[in-house]
Protein backbone atom coordinates (compact mmCIF):
# COMPACT_ATOMS: atom_id res chain seq x y z
CA UNK A 1 116.95 4.68 44.40
CA UNK A 2 113.45 3.67 45.48
CA UNK A 3 110.12 3.86 43.49
CA UNK A 4 109.04 7.65 43.43
CA UNK A 5 105.52 7.75 45.30
CA UNK A 6 104.52 10.60 43.00
CA UNK A 7 105.08 8.43 39.67
CA UNK A 8 101.55 7.88 39.27
CA UNK A 9 100.38 11.06 40.11
CA UNK A 10 103.21 13.51 38.55
CA UNK A 11 104.93 11.05 36.31
CA UNK A 12 107.21 13.89 34.47
CA UNK A 13 108.33 15.34 38.03
CA UNK A 14 109.13 11.79 39.19
CA UNK A 15 110.97 11.07 35.84
CA UNK A 16 112.90 14.32 36.08
CA UNK A 17 113.70 13.45 39.69
CA UNK A 18 115.00 9.98 38.66
CA UNK A 19 116.74 10.73 35.40
CA UNK A 20 118.02 14.26 36.03
CA UNK A 21 118.43 14.80 39.67
CA UNK A 22 119.56 11.31 40.87
CA UNK A 23 120.81 9.88 37.29
CA UNK A 24 122.84 13.12 36.21
CA UNK A 25 123.23 15.58 39.03
CA UNK A 26 124.00 12.99 41.93
CA UNK A 27 126.33 11.08 39.63
CA UNK A 28 128.59 13.84 38.59
CA UNK A 29 132.26 13.11 39.60
CA UNK A 30 132.95 16.35 41.39
CA UNK A 31 131.68 15.43 44.75
CA UNK A 32 131.36 12.06 46.64
CA UNK A 33 127.72 10.89 47.16
CA UNK A 34 128.62 11.44 51.04
CA UNK A 35 129.38 15.04 50.39
CA UNK A 36 126.43 15.46 48.25
CA UNK A 37 124.05 14.16 51.05
CA UNK A 38 125.50 16.37 53.60
CA UNK A 39 125.15 19.36 51.37
CA UNK A 40 121.65 18.31 50.68
CA UNK A 41 120.70 17.75 54.31
CA UNK A 42 122.13 21.17 55.11
CA UNK A 43 120.11 22.90 52.42
CA UNK A 44 116.94 21.32 53.48
CA UNK A 45 117.40 22.12 57.05
CA UNK A 46 118.49 25.69 56.25
CA UNK A 47 115.27 26.01 54.16
CA UNK A 48 113.04 24.51 56.60
CA UNK A 49 112.13 21.45 54.18
CA UNK A 50 111.54 18.91 56.43
CA UNK A 51 109.04 16.83 54.19
CA UNK A 52 112.30 16.10 52.16
CA UNK A 53 114.49 15.74 55.06
CA UNK A 54 112.99 12.20 55.98
CA UNK A 55 114.01 10.51 52.88
CA UNK A 56 117.46 12.37 52.65
CA UNK A 57 118.60 11.66 56.13
CA UNK A 58 118.29 7.96 55.50
CA UNK A 59 119.95 8.36 51.95
CA UNK A 60 122.85 10.28 53.85
CA UNK A 61 123.24 7.03 56.06
CA UNK A 62 123.38 4.95 52.87
CA UNK A 63 125.95 7.17 51.63
CA UNK A 64 128.26 6.75 54.54
CA UNK A 65 127.17 9.57 56.95
CA UNK A 66 126.69 8.19 60.63
CA UNK A 67 123.85 9.31 62.75
CA UNK A 68 126.22 11.41 65.12
CA UNK A 69 127.59 13.24 62.10
CA UNK A 70 124.15 14.18 60.88
CA UNK A 71 123.02 15.36 64.35
CA UNK A 72 126.25 17.41 64.60
CA UNK A 73 125.58 18.96 61.33
CA UNK A 74 121.89 19.82 62.38
CA UNK A 75 123.30 21.33 65.57
CA UNK A 76 125.90 23.33 63.75
CA UNK A 77 123.08 24.73 61.38
CA UNK A 78 121.11 25.97 64.38
CA UNK A 79 123.49 28.86 64.63
CA UNK A 80 123.55 29.74 60.84
CA UNK A 81 119.97 28.55 59.54
CA UNK A 82 117.97 29.27 62.63
CA UNK A 83 117.16 27.44 65.84
CA UNK A 84 113.34 26.63 64.93
CA UNK A 85 114.58 25.11 61.64
CA UNK A 86 117.20 22.97 63.44
CA UNK A 87 114.83 21.81 66.21
CA UNK A 88 112.26 20.90 63.47
CA UNK A 89 115.09 18.87 61.73
CA UNK A 90 116.27 17.19 64.59
CA UNK A 91 112.63 16.16 65.64
CA UNK A 92 112.68 14.50 62.14
CA UNK A 93 116.18 12.98 62.50
CA UNK A 94 115.11 11.58 65.76
CA UNK A 95 112.16 9.89 64.13
CA UNK A 96 114.15 8.52 61.13
CA UNK A 97 116.89 7.13 63.33
CA UNK A 98 114.58 5.45 65.52
CA UNK A 99 112.54 3.99 62.87
CA UNK A 100 115.82 2.17 61.63
CA UNK A 101 117.50 1.78 58.02
CA UNK A 102 114.95 2.36 55.22
CA UNK A 103 112.04 2.85 57.58
CA UNK A 104 111.95 6.75 57.56
CA UNK A 105 110.97 6.96 53.68
């Protein structure tokens, strides 16, 4: 996990993010990190939360998803989450993938 950019501004939120979300929730044994990443990307796309999508697309790749799988997931979500959300998410994905590993954060 990388340094939380909000650590100086909102230390409690950064701490909960690191300790609870990524330290406890993401480490639960019921799902693989790859599956958790796919679910997270889908939820972010469906909610229109493109601000968090940049980090999570790169994280999904680190967790074993390919760019093509993520593109396919976003394309599939267009029909369930809405076309504008999918188009916005695909724009973010294009930028993240073009930037290369770790550059989209």
